[in-house]
């Protein structure tokens, strides 16, 4: 196994563990009940880490549970905040280096409404 493959597997394992932690139906149900009791009509699962977890098994299992309980949900785009001390660089006129992938500043978070 090459180092890059091992690193990919480690990252995948950590993302899966994180998704299993935040997308537990019982945990989400308790947050929904608490927010509804306080008058709110939506709950957005705010992620601590900017990962796209929408394709994980935990997220899909939560979507099945939300459908069974007749909640509405959508994956909303979330954007990383720009560092105010670092100026933005206009990359419109710069060629993208093929050896350096572009940094994705957007990831989805699950919003549930009732």
PDB file of N, CA and C in Angstrom:
ATOM      1  N   UNK A   1       0.858  -1.180   0.000  1.00  0.00           N
ATOM      2  CA  UNK A   1       0.000   0.000   0.000  1.00  0.00           C
ATOM      3  C   UNK A   1       0.898   1.235   0.000  1.00  0.00           C
ATOM      4  N   UNK A   2       0.591   2.132  -0.866  1.00  0.00           N
ATOM      5  CA  UNK A   2       1.329   3.383  -0.952  1.00  0.00           C
ATOM      6  C   UNK A   2       0.857   4.334   0.138  1.00  0.00           C
ATOM      7  N   UNK A   3       1.700   5.289   0.462  1.00  0.00           N
ATOM      8  CA  UNK A   3       1.376   6.250   1.513  1.00  0.00           C
ATOM      9  C   UNK A   3       0.098   7.025   1.199  1.00  0.00           C
ATOM     10  N   UNK A   4      -0.080   7.422  -0.067  1.00  0.00           N
ATOM     11  CA  UNK A   4      -1.271   8.194  -0.419  1.00  0.00           C
ATOM     12  C   UNK A   4      -2.537   7.367  -0.229  1.00  0.00           C
ATOM     13  N   UNK A   5      -2.458   6.081  -0.545  1.00  0.00           N
ATOM     14  CA  UNK A   5      -3.627   5.216  -0.352  1.00  0.00           C
ATOM     15  C   UNK A   5      -3.941   5.054   1.137  1.00  0.00           C
ATOM     16  N   UNK A   6      -2.907   4.906   1.946  1.00  0.00           N
ATOM     17  CA  UNK A   6      -3.103   4.815   3.391  1.00  0.00           C
ATOM     18  C   UNK A   6      -3.690   6.091   3.964  1.00  0.00           C
ATOM     19  N   UNK A   7      -3.210   7.235   3.486  1.00  0.00           N
ATOM     20  CA  UNK A   7      -3.741   8.519   3.954  1.00  0.00           C
ATOM     21  C   UNK A   7      -5.194   8.686   3.541  1.00  0.00           C
ATOM     22  N   UNK A   8      -5.515   8.259   2.323  1.00  0.00           N
ATOM     23  CA  UNK A   8      -6.910   8.334   1.861  1.00  0.00           C
ATOM     24  C   UNK A   8      -7.807   7.478   2.749  1.00  0.00           C
ATOM     25  N   UNK A   9      -7.357   6.267   3.084  1.00  0.00           N
ATOM     26  CA  UNK A   9      -8.151   5.380   3.940  1.00  0.00           C
ATOM     27  C   UNK A   9      -8.310   5.955   5.348  1.00  0.00           C
ATOM     28  N   UNK A  10      -7.246   6.569   5.872  1.00  0.00           N
ATOM     29  CA  UNK A  10      -7.349   7.197   7.197  1.00  0.00           C
ATOM     30  C   UNK A  10      -8.356   8.340   7.176  1.00  0.00           C
ATOM     31  N   UNK A  11      -8.300   9.173   6.138  1.00  0.00           N
ATOM     32  CA  UNK A  11      -9.234  10.294   6.031  1.00  0.00           C
ATOM     33  C   UNK A  11     -10.663   9.794   5.887  1.00  0.00           C
ATOM     34  N   UNK A  12     -10.853   8.758   5.088  1.00  0.00           N
ATOM     35  CA  UNK A  12     -12.187   8.191   4.904  1.00  0.00           C
ATOM     36  C   UNK A  12     -12.718   7.620   6.214  1.00  0.00           C
ATOM     37  N   UNK A  13     -11.868   6.944   6.960  1.00  0.00           N
ATOM     38  CA  UNK A  13     -12.275   6.366   8.248  1.00  0.00           C
ATOM     39  C   UNK A  13     -12.678   7.462   9.231  1.00  0.00           C
ATOM     40  N   UNK A  14     -11.906   8.556   9.275  1.00  0.00           N
ATOM     41  CA  UNK A  14     -12.233   9.662  10.176  1.00  0.00           C
ATOM     42  C   UNK A  14     -13.539  10.346   9.766  1.00  0.00           C
ATOM     43  N   UNK A  15     -13.747  10.549   8.483  1.00  0.00           N
ATOM     44  CA  UNK A  15     -14.986  11.175   8.012  1.00  0.00           C
ATOM     45  C   UNK A  15     -16.192  10.292   8.311  1.00  0.00           C
ATOM     46  N   UNK A  16     -16.023   8.982   8.147  1.00  0.00           N
ATOM     47  CA  UNK A  16     -17.112   8.056   8.452  1.00  0.00           C
ATOM     48  C   UNK A  16     -17.439   8.087   9.943  1.00  0.00           C
ATOM     49  N   UNK A  17     -16.414   8.086  10.778  1.00  0.00           N
ATOM     50  CA  UNK A  17     -16.640   8.157  12.229  1.00  0.00           C
ATOM     51  C   UNK A  17     -17.321   9.466  12.613  1.00  0.00           C
ATOM     52  N   UNK A  18     -16.915  10.565  12.000  1.00  0.00           N
ATOM     53  CA  UNK A  18     -17.527  11.863  12.288  1.00  0.00           C
ATOM     54  C   UNK A  18     -18.988  11.883  11.847  1.00  0.00           C
ATOM     55  N   UNK A  19     -19.271  11.334  10.661  1.00  0.00           N
ATOM     56  CA  UNK A  19     -20.654  11.268  10.178  1.00  0.00           C
ATOM     57  C   UNK A  19     -21.506  10.399  11.097  1.00  0.00           C
ATOM     58  N   UNK A  20     -20.960   9.278  11.555  1.00  0.00           N
ATOM     59  CA  UNK A  20     -21.701   8.409  12.482  1.00  0.00           C
ATOM     60  C   UNK A  20     -22.007   9.127  13.792  1.00  0.00           C
ATOM     61  N   UNK A  21     -21.139  10.020  14.180  1.00  0.00           N
ATOM     62  CA  UNK A  21     -21.333  10.773  15.429  1.00  0.00           C
ATOM     63  C   UNK A  21     -22.420  11.836  15.291  1.00  0.00           C
ATOM     64  N   UNK A  22     -22.443  12.591  14.202  1.00  0.00           N
ATOM     65  CA  UNK A  22     -23.369  13.724  14.125  1.00  0.00           C
ATOM     66  C   UNK A  22     -24.702  13.380  13.474  1.00  0.00           C
ATOM     67  N   UNK A  23     -24.806  12.246  12.783  1.00  0.00           N
ATOM     68  CA  UNK A  23     -26.048  11.899  12.090  1.00  0.00           C
ATOM     69  C   UNK A  23     -26.826  10.778  12.776  1.00  0.00           C
ATOM     70  N   UNK A  24     -26.640  10.588  14.067  1.00  0.00           N
ATOM     71  CA  UNK A  24     -27.412   9.580  14.799  1.00  0.00           C
ATOM     72  C   UNK A  24     -28.867  10.044  14.890  1.00  0.00           C
ATOM     73  N   UNK A  25     -29.822   9.218  14.431  1.00  0.00           N
ATOM     74  CA  UNK A  25     -31.228   9.640  14.474  1.00  0.00           C
ATOM     75  C   UNK A  25     -31.720   9.997  15.879  1.00  0.00           C
ATOM     76  N   UNK A  26     -31.308   9.259  16.895  1.00  0.00           N
ATOM     77  CA  UNK A  26     -31.760   9.564  18.259  1.00  0.00           C
ATOM     78  C   UNK A  26     -31.238  10.922  18.717  1.00  0.00           C
ATOM     79  N   UNK A  27     -30.005  11.202  18.387  1.00  0.00           N
ATOM     80  CA  UNK A  27     -29.403  12.496  18.761  1.00  0.00           C
ATOM     81  C   UNK A  27     -30.086  13.637  18.018  1.00  0.00           C
ATOM     82  N   UNK A  28     -30.315  13.453  16.728  1.00  0.00           N
ATOM     83  CA  UNK A  28     -30.984  14.479  15.925  1.00  0.00           C
ATOM     84  C   UNK A  28     -32.417  14.681  16.423  1.00  0.00           C
ATOM     85  N   UNK A  29     -33.105  13.594  16.774  1.00  0.00           N
ATOM     86  CA  UNK A  29     -34.479  13.694  17.279  1.00  0.00           C
ATOM     87  C   UNK A  29     -34.535  14.506  18.574  1.00  0.00           C
ATOM     88  N   UNK A  30     -33.562  14.318  19.448  1.00  0.00           N
ATOM     89  CA  UNK A  30     -33.569  15.085  20.699  1.00  0.00           C
ATOM     90  C   UNK A  30     -33.326  16.570  20.444  1.00  0.00           C
ATOM     91  N   UNK A  31     -32.453  16.894  19.484  1.00  0.00           N
ATOM     92  CA  UNK A  31     -32.235  18.303  19.132  1.00  0.00           C
ATOM     93  C   UNK A  31     -33.486  18.906  18.500  1.00  0.00           C
ATOM     94  N   UNK A  32     -34.150  18.149  17.645  1.00  0.00           N
ATOM     95  CA  UNK A  32     -35.381  18.633  17.011  1.00  0.00           C
ATOM     96  C   UNK A  32     -36.451  18.900  18.064  1.00  0.00           C
ATOM     97  N   UNK A  33     -36.618  17.975  19.005  1.00  0.00           N
ATOM     98  CA  UNK A  33     -37.611  18.161  20.068  1.00  0.00           C
ATOM     99  C   UNK A  33     -37.309  19.400  20.898  1.00  0.00           C
ATOM    100  N   UNK A  34     -36.042  19.589  21.236  1.00  0.00           N
ATOM    101  CA  UNK A  34     -35.655  20.757  22.042  1.00  0.00           C
ATOM    102  C   UNK A  34     -35.904  22.059  21.287  1.00  0.00           C
ATOM    103  N   UNK A  35     -35.543  22.085  20.003  1.00  0.00           N
ATOM    104  CA  UNK A  35     -35.754  23.301  19.224  1.00  0.00           C
ATOM    105  C   UNK A  35     -37.238  23.577  19.003  1.00  0.00           C
ATOM    106  N   UNK A  36     -38.025  22.546  18.731  1.00  0.00           N
ATOM    107  CA  UNK A  36     -39.466  22.729  18.538  1.00  0.00           C
ATOM    108  C   UNK A  36     -40.113  23.228  19.827  1.00  0.00           C
ATOM    109  N   UNK A  37     -39.664  22.712  20.966  1.00  0.00           N
ATOM    110  CA  UNK A  37     -40.189  23.160  22.256  1.00  0.00           C
ATOM    111  C   UNK A  37     -39.911  24.643  22.468  1.00  0.00           C
ATOM    112  N   UNK A  38     -38.805  25.135  21.918  1.00  0.00           N
ATOM    113  CA  UNK A  38     -38.441  26.550  22.055  1.00  0.00           C
ATOM    114  C   UNK A  38     -38.986  27.422  20.929  1.00  0.00           C
ATOM    115  N   UNK A  39     -39.806  26.857  20.050  1.00  0.00           N
ATOM    116  CA  UNK A  39     -40.479  27.642  19.025  1.00  0.00           C
ATOM    117  C   UNK A  39     -39.827  27.661  17.661  1.00  0.00           C
ATOM    118  N   UNK A  40     -38.735  26.952  17.489  1.00  0.00           N
ATOM    119  CA  UNK A  40     -38.063  26.936  16.189  1.00  0.00           C
ATOM    120  C   UNK A  40     -38.733  25.938  15.256  1.00  0.00           C
ATOM    121  N   UNK A  41     -38.565  26.150  13.940  1.00  0.00           N
ATOM    122  CA  UNK A  41     -39.170  25.263  12.955  1.00  0.00           C
ATOM    123  C   UNK A  41     -38.147  24.640  12.017  1.00  0.00           C
ATOM    124  N   UNK A  42     -36.880  24.756  12.357  1.00  0.00           N
ATOM    125  CA  UNK A  42     -35.844  24.122  11.554  1.00  0.00           C
ATOM    126  C   UNK A  42     -34.640  23.805  12.428  1.00  0.00           C
ATOM    127  N   UNK A  43     -33.824  22.907  11.941  1.00  0.00           N
ATOM    128  CA  UNK A  43     -32.578  22.540  12.614  1.00  0.00           C
ATOM    129  C   UNK A  43     -31.532  22.292  11.545  1.00  0.00           C
ATOM    130  N   UNK A  44     -30.440  22.984  11.634  1.00  0.00           N
ATOM    131  CA  UNK A  44     -29.330  22.788  10.708  1.00  0.00           C
ATOM    132  C   UNK A  44     -28.207  22.106  11.470  1.00  0.00           C
ATOM    133  N   UNK A  45     -27.772  20.971  10.958  1.00  0.00           N
ATOM    134  CA  UNK A  45     -26.671  20.255  11.590  1.00  0.00           C
ATOM    135  C   UNK A  45     -25.383  20.963  11.185  1.00  0.00           C
ATOM    136  N   UNK A  46     -24.870  21.757  12.096  1.00  0.00           N
ATOM    137  CA  UNK A  46     -23.664  22.541  11.830  1.00  0.00           C
ATOM    138  C   UNK A  46     -22.449  21.650  12.084  1.00  0.00           C
ATOM    139  N   UNK A  47     -21.667  21.463  11.053  1.00  0.00           N
ATOM    140  CA  UNK A  47     -20.507  20.596  11.132  1.00  0.00           C
ATOM    141  C   UNK A  47     -19.293  21.366  11.627  1.00  0.00           C
ATOM    142  N   UNK A  48     -18.520  20.707  12.460  1.00  0.00           N
ATOM    143  CA  UNK A  48     -17.293  21.314  12.968  1.00  0.00           C
ATOM    144  C   UNK A  48     -16.204  21.306  11.891  1.00  0.00           C
ATOM    145  N   UNK A  49     -16.228  20.313  11.018  1.00  0.00           N
ATOM    146  CA  UNK A  49     -15.226  20.155   9.976  1.00  0.00           C
ATOM    147  C   UNK A  49     -15.884  20.297   8.613  1.00  0.00           C
ATOM    148  N   UNK A  50     -15.236  20.960   7.657  1.00  0.00           N
ATOM    149  CA  UNK A  50     -15.855  21.245   6.355  1.00  0.00           C
ATOM    150  C   UNK A  50     -15.752  20.089   5.365  1.00  0.00           C
ATOM    151  N   UNK A  51     -16.444  18.992   5.664  1.00  0.00           N
ATOM    152  CA  UNK A  51     -16.429  17.820   4.800  1.00  0.00           C
ATOM    153  C   UNK A  51     -17.787  17.638   4.147  1.00  0.00           C
ATOM    154  N   UNK A  52     -17.785  17.105   2.946  1.00  0.00           N
ATOM    155  CA  UNK A  52     -19.033  16.715   2.298  1.00  0.00           C
ATOM    156  C   UNK A  52     -19.382  15.319   2.792  1.00  0.00           C
ATOM    157  N   UNK A  53     -20.294  15.250   3.742  1.00  0.00           N
ATOM    158  CA  UNK A  53     -20.687  13.972   4.348  1.00  0.00           C
ATOM    159  C   UNK A  53     -22.029  13.476   3.816  1.00  0.00           C
ATOM    160  N   UNK A  54     -22.537  14.102   2.767  1.00  0.00           N
ATOM    161  CA  UNK A  54     -23.872  13.765   2.273  1.00  0.00           C
ATOM    162  C   UNK A  54     -23.970  12.367   1.680  1.00  0.00           C
ATOM    163  N   UNK A  55     -22.855  11.781   1.261  1.00  0.00           N
ATOM    164  CA  UNK A  55     -22.881  10.442   0.672  1.00  0.00           C
ATOM    165  C   UNK A  55     -22.506   9.341   1.647  1.00  0.00           C
ATOM    166  N   UNK A  56     -22.347   9.655   2.911  1.00  0.00           N
ATOM    167  CA  UNK A  56     -21.983   8.627   3.883  1.00  0.00           C
ATOM    168  C   UNK A  56     -23.202   7.779   4.231  1.00  0.00           C
ATOM    169  N   UNK A  57     -22.939   6.591   4.708  1.00  0.00           N
ATOM    170  CA  UNK A  57     -24.025   5.694   5.105  1.00  0.00           C
ATOM    171  C   UNK A  57     -24.847   6.274   6.247  1.00  0.00           C
ATOM    172  N   UNK A  58     -24.193   6.964   7.180  1.00  0.00           N
ATOM    173  CA  UNK A  58     -24.903   7.568   8.308  1.00  0.00           C
ATOM    174  C   UNK A  58     -25.866   8.648   7.831  1.00  0.00           C
ATOM    175  N   UNK A  59     -25.444   9.459   6.876  1.00  0.00           N
ATOM    176  CA  UNK A  59     -26.314  10.515   6.347  1.00  0.00           C
ATOM    177  C   UNK A  59     -27.498   9.911   5.603  1.00  0.00           C
ATOM    178  N   UNK A  60     -27.250   8.867   4.843  1.00  0.00           N
ATOM    179  CA  UNK A  60     -28.340   8.219   4.104  1.00  0.00           C
ATOM    180  C   UNK A  60     -29.322   7.542   5.056  1.00  0.00           C
ATOM    181  N   UNK A  61     -28.812   6.949   6.130  1.00  0.00           N
ATOM    182  CA  UNK A  61     -29.701   6.341   7.128  1.00  0.00           C
ATOM    183  C   UNK A  61     -30.541   7.408   7.820  1.00  0.00           C
ATOM    184  N   UNK A  62     -29.945   8.560   8.097  1.00  0.00           N
ATOM    185  CA  UNK A  62     -30.706   9.655   8.704  1.00  0.00           C
ATOM    186  C   UNK A  62     -31.772  10.159   7.743  1.00  0.00           C
ATOM    187  N   UNK A  63     -31.461  10.252   6.461  1.00  0.00           N
ATOM    188  CA  UNK A  63     -32.461  10.671   5.469  1.00  0.00           C
ATOM    189  C   UNK A  63     -33.635   9.699   5.434  1.00  0.00           C
ATOM    190  N   UNK A  64     -33.362   8.414   5.532  1.00  0.00           N
ATOM    191  CA  UNK A  64     -34.446   7.416   5.577  1.00  0.00           C
ATOM    192  C   UNK A  64     -35.305   7.648   6.814  1.00  0.00           C
ATOM    193  N   UNK A  65     -34.683   7.882   7.962  1.00  0.00           N
ATOM    194  CA  UNK A  65     -35.434   8.127   9.193  1.00  0.00           C
ATOM    195  C   UNK A  65     -36.260   9.411   9.079  1.00  0.00           C
ATOM    196  N   UNK A  66     -35.669  10.453   8.503  1.00  0.00           N
ATOM    197  CA  UNK A  66     -36.402  11.718   8.335  1.00  0.00           C
ATOM    198  C   UNK A  66     -37.610  11.528   7.420  1.00  0.00           C
ATOM    199  N   UNK A  67     -37.454  10.745   6.365  1.00  0.00           N
ATOM    200  CA  UNK A  67     -38.590  10.448   5.476  1.00  0.00           C
ATOM    201  C   UNK A  67     -39.678   9.676   6.219  1.00  0.00           C
ATOM    202  N   UNK A  68     -39.282   8.714   7.035  1.00  0.00           N
ATOM    203  CA  UNK A  68     -40.261   7.928   7.802  1.00  0.00           C
ATOM    204  C   UNK A  68     -41.025   8.806   8.782  1.00  0.00           C
ATOM    205  N   UNK A  69     -40.342   9.776   9.361  1.00  0.00           N
ATOM    206  CA  UNK A  69     -40.971  10.668  10.344  1.00  0.00           C
ATOM    207  C   UNK A  69     -41.612  11.886   9.683  1.00  0.00           C
ATOM    208  N   UNK A  70     -41.577  11.959   8.363  1.00  0.00           N
ATOM    209  CA  UNK A  70     -42.212  13.004   7.554  1.00  0.00           C
ATOM    210  C   UNK A  70     -41.639  14.405   7.820  1.00  0.00           C
ATOM    211  N   UNK A  71     -40.328  14.466   8.032  1.00  0.00           N
ATOM    212  CA  UNK A  71     -39.638  15.751   8.105  1.00  0.00           C
ATOM    213  C   UNK A  71     -39.217  16.136   6.696  1.00  0.00           C
ATOM    214  N   UNK A  72     -39.025  17.418   6.479  1.00  0.00           N
ATOM    215  CA  UNK A  72     -38.476  17.919   5.220  1.00  0.00           C
ATOM    216  C   UNK A  72     -37.008  18.237   5.482  1.00  0.00           C
ATOM    217  N   UNK A  73     -36.168  17.995   4.496  1.00  0.00           N
ATOM    218  CA  UNK A  73     -34.751  18.282   4.674  1.00  0.00           C
ATOM    219  C   UNK A  73     -34.130  18.629   3.333  1.00  0.00           C
ATOM    220  N   UNK A  74     -33.022  19.343   3.398  1.00  0.00           N
ATOM    221  CA  UNK A  74     -32.254  19.689   2.212  1.00  0.00           C
ATOM    222  C   UNK A  74     -30.796  19.872   2.617  1.00  0.00           C
ATOM    223  N   UNK A  75     -29.933  19.625   1.674  1.00  0.00           N
ATOM    224  CA  UNK A  75     -28.507  19.865   1.890  1.00  0.00           C
ATOM    225  C   UNK A  75     -28.194  21.271   1.399  1.00  0.00           C
ATOM    226  N   UNK A  76     -27.888  22.168   2.321  1.00  0.00           N
ATOM    227  CA  UNK A  76     -27.612  23.569   2.004  1.00  0.00           C
ATOM    228  C   UNK A  76     -26.111  23.800   1.862  1.00  0.00           C
ATOM    229  N   UNK A  77     -25.713  24.618   0.897  1.00  0.00           N
ATOM    230  CA  UNK A  77     -24.282  24.914   0.780  1.00  0.00           C
ATOM    231  C   UNK A  77     -23.804  25.793   1.932  1.00  0.00           C
ATOM    232  N   UNK A  78     -22.623  25.486   2.400  1.00  0.00           N
ATOM    233  CA  UNK A  78     -21.968  26.256   3.448  1.00  0.00           C
ATOM    234  C   UNK A  78     -20.611  26.676   2.906  1.00  0.00           C
ATOM    235  N   UNK A  79     -20.228  27.890   3.187  1.00  0.00           N
ATOM    236  CA  UNK A  79     -18.985  28.431   2.649  1.00  0.00           C
ATOM    237  C   UNK A  79     -17.999  28.695   3.773  1.00  0.00           C
ATOM    238  N   UNK A  80     -16.743  28.402   3.510  1.00  0.00           N
ATOM    239  CA  UNK A  80     -15.700  28.706   4.475  1.00  0.00           C
ATOM    240  C   UNK A  80     -15.477  30.208   4.512  1.00  0.00           C
ATOM    241  N   UNK A  81     -15.221  30.725   5.695  1.00  0.00           N
ATOM    242  CA  UNK A  81     -14.982  32.162   5.839  1.00  0.00           C
ATOM    243  C   UNK A  81     -13.589  32.504   5.325  1.00  0.00           C
ATOM    244  N   UNK A  82     -13.501  33.615   4.623  1.00  0.00           N
ATOM    245  CA  UNK A  82     -12.218  34.088   4.117  1.00  0.00           C
ATOM    246  C   UNK A  82     -11.435  34.708   5.264  1.00  0.00           C
ATOM    247  N   UNK A  83     -10.169  34.422   5.323  1.00  0.00           N
ATOM    248  CA  UNK A  83      -9.289  34.992   6.333  1.00  0.00           C
ATOM    249  C   UNK A  83      -9.194  36.503   6.096  1.00  0.00           C
ATOM    250  N   UNK A  84      -9.644  37.350   7.052  1.00  0.00           N
ATOM    251  CA  UNK A  84      -9.642  38.798   6.816  1.00  0.00           C
ATOM    252  C   UNK A  84      -8.242  39.399   6.719  1.00  0.00           C
ATOM    253  N   UNK A  85      -7.233  38.726   7.263  1.00  0.00           N
ATOM    254  CA  UNK A  85      -5.877  39.265   7.219  1.00  0.00           C
ATOM    255  C   UNK A  85      -5.152  38.917   5.922  1.00  0.00           C
ATOM    256  N   UNK A  86      -5.689  37.946   5.187  1.00  0.00           N
ATOM    257  CA  UNK A  86      -5.059  37.545   3.930  1.00  0.00           C
ATOM    258  C   UNK A  86      -5.907  38.075   2.781  1.00  0.00           C
ATOM    259  N   UNK A  87      -5.344  38.911   1.922  1.00  0.00           N
ATOM    260  CA  UNK A  87      -6.150  39.458   0.824  1.00  0.00           C
ATOM    261  C   UNK A  87      -6.518  38.368  -0.174  1.00  0.00           C
ATOM    262  N   UNK A  88      -7.648  38.553  -0.815  1.00  0.00           N
ATOM    263  CA  UNK A  88      -8.053  37.607  -1.839  1.00  0.00           C
ATOM    264  C   UNK A  88      -7.251  37.855  -3.107  1.00  0.00           C
ATOM    265  N   UNK A  89      -6.973  36.802  -3.816  1.00  0.00           N
ATOM    266  CA  UNK A  89      -6.211  36.896  -5.057  1.00  0.00           C
ATOM    267  C   UNK A  89      -7.177  36.679  -6.207  1.00  0.00           C
ATOM    268  N   UNK A  90      -7.163  37.595  -7.142  1.00  0.00           N
ATOM    269  CA  UNK A  90      -8.016  37.461  -8.313  1.00  0.00           C
ATOM    270  C   UNK A  90      -7.378  36.416  -9.224  1.00  0.00           C
ATOM    271  N   UNK A  91      -7.983  35.232  -9.287  1.00  0.00           N
ATOM    272  CA  UNK A  91      -7.413  34.136 -10.072  1.00  0.00           C
ATOM    273  C   UNK A  91      -8.011  34.066 -11.469  1.00  0.00           C
ATOM    274  N   UNK A  92      -8.764  35.069 -11.840  1.00  0.00           N
ATOM    275  CA  UNK A  92      -9.399  35.064 -13.152  1.00  0.00           C
ATOM    276  C   UNK A  92      -8.366  35.012 -14.269  1.00  0.00           C
ATOM    277  N   UNK A  93      -7.242  35.695 -14.070  1.00  0.00           N
ATOM    278  CA  UNK A  93      -6.232  35.781 -15.118  1.00  0.00           C
ATOM    279  C   UNK A  93      -5.066  34.814 -14.903  1.00  0.00           C
ATOM    280  N   UNK A  94      -5.095  34.057 -13.820  1.00  0.00           N
ATOM    281  CA  UNK A  94      -4.014  33.127 -13.529  1.00  0.00           C
ATOM    282  C   UNK A  94      -4.395  31.726 -13.992  1.00  0.00           C
ATOM    283  N   UNK A  95      -3.432  31.018 -14.542  1.00  0.00           N
ATOM    284  CA  UNK A  95      -3.679  29.635 -14.961  1.00  0.00           C
ATOM    285  C   UNK A  95      -3.622  28.732 -13.728  1.00  0.00           C
ATOM    286  N   UNK A  96      -4.495  27.736 -13.688  1.00  0.00           N
ATOM    287  CA  UNK A  96      -4.518  26.803 -12.573  1.00  0.00           C
ATOM    288  C   UNK A  96      -3.360  25.816 -12.724  1.00  0.00           C
ATOM    289  N   UNK A  97      -2.589  25.655 -11.676  1.00  0.00           N
ATOM    290  CA  UNK A  97      -1.493  24.689 -11.670  1.00  0.00           C
ATOM    291  C   UNK A  97      -2.089  23.288 -11.655  1.00  0.00           C
ATOM    292  N   UNK A  98      -1.816  22.460 -12.660  1.00  0.00           N
ATOM    293  CA  UNK A  98      -2.435  21.130 -12.707  1.00  0.00           C
ATOM    294  C   UNK A  98      -1.974  20.211 -11.584  1.00  0.00           C
ATOM    295  N   UNK A  99      -0.850  20.520 -10.939  1.00  0.00           N
ATOM    296  CA  UNK A  99      -0.353  19.675  -9.859  1.00  0.00           C
ATOM    297  C   UNK A  99      -0.944  20.049  -8.503  1.00  0.00           C
ATOM    298  N   UNK A 100      -1.612  21.176  -8.438  1.00  0.00           N
ATOM    299  CA  UNK A 100      -2.227  21.610  -7.184  1.00  0.00           C
ATOM    300  C   UNK A 100      -3.738  21.710  -7.388  1.00  0.00           C
ATOM    301  N   UNK A 101      -4.496  20.879  -6.706  1.00  0.00           N
ATOM    302  CA  UNK A 101      -5.945  20.952  -6.884  1.00  0.00           C
ATOM    303  C   UNK A 101      -6.504  22.236  -6.284  1.00  0.00           C
ATOM    304  N   UNK A 102      -7.604  22.689  -6.833  1.00  0.00           N
ATOM    305  CA  UNK A 102      -8.239  23.880  -6.295  1.00  0.00           C
ATOM    306  C   UNK A 102      -8.849  23.556  -4.934  1.00  0.00           C
ATOM    307  N   UNK A 103      -8.844  24.519  -4.062  1.00  0.00           N
ATOM    308  CA  UNK A 103      -9.404  24.341  -2.728  1.00  0.00           C
ATOM    309  C   UNK A 103     -10.897  24.610  -2.806  1.00  0.00           C
ATOM    310  N   UNK A 104     -11.671  23.635  -2.378  1.00  0.00           N
ATOM    311  CA  UNK A 104     -13.118  23.795  -2.398  1.00  0.00           C
ATOM    312  C   UNK A 104     -13.534  24.529  -1.131  1.00  0.00           C
ATOM    313  N   UNK A 105     -14.161  25.676  -1.276  1.00  0.00           N
ATOM    314  CA  UNK A 105     -14.572  26.462  -0.118  1.00  0.00           C
ATOM    315  C   UNK A 105     -16.044  26.264   0.203  1.00  0.00           C
ATOM    316  N   UNK A 106     -16.668  25.278  -0.414  1.00  0.00           N
ATOM    317  CA  UNK A 106     -18.085  25.020  -0.193  1.00  0.00           C
ATOM    318  C   UNK A 106     -18.282  23.549   0.166  1.00  0.00           C
ATOM    319  N   UNK A 107     -19.163  23.310   1.142  1.00  0.00           N
ATOM    320  CA  UNK A 107     -19.534  21.954   1.515  1.00  0.00           C
ATOM    321  C   UNK A 107     -20.982  21.980   1.989  1.00  0.00           C
ATOM    322  N   UNK A 108     -21.718  20.869   1.846  1.00  0.00           N
ATOM    323  CA  UNK A 108     -23.129  20.883   2.236  1.00  0.00           C
ATOM    324  C   UNK A 108     -23.336  20.542   3.713  1.00  0.00           C
ATOM    325  N   UNK A 109     -24.343  21.176   4.308  1.00  0.00           N
ATOM    326  CA  UNK A 109     -24.815  20.837   5.651  1.00  0.00           C
ATOM    327  C   UNK A 109     -26.306  20.542   5.568  1.00  0.00           C
ATOM    328  N   UNK A 110     -26.759  19.632   6.399  1.00  0.00           N
ATOM    329  CA  UNK A 110     -28.149  19.179   6.374  1.00  0.00           C
ATOM    330  C   UNK A 110     -29.030  20.131   7.178  1.00  0.00           C
ATOM    331  N   UNK A 111     -30.102  20.620   6.547  1.00  0.00           N
ATOM    332  CA  UNK A 111     -31.089  21.448   7.244  1.00  0.00           C
ATOM    333  C   UNK A 111     -32.417  20.705   7.243  1.00  0.00           C
ATOM    334  N   UNK A 112     -33.014  20.583   8.423  1.00  0.00           N
ATOM    335  CA  UNK A 112     -34.266  19.850   8.617  1.00  0.00           C
ATOM    336  C   UNK A 112     -35.336  20.844   9.025  1.00  0.00           C
ATOM    337  N   UNK A 113     -36.508  20.735   8.398  1.00  0.00           N
ATOM    338  CA  UNK A 113     -37.637  21.622   8.742  1.00  0.00           C
ATOM    339  C   UNK A 113     -38.846  20.778   9.085  1.00  0.00           C
ATOM    340  N   UNK A 114     -39.781  21.406   9.810  1.00  0.00           N
ATOM    341  CA  UNK A 114     -41.032  20.742  10.174  1.00  0.00           C
ATOM    342  C   UNK A 114     -42.141  21.745  10.239  1.00  0.00           C
TER     343      UNK A 114
END
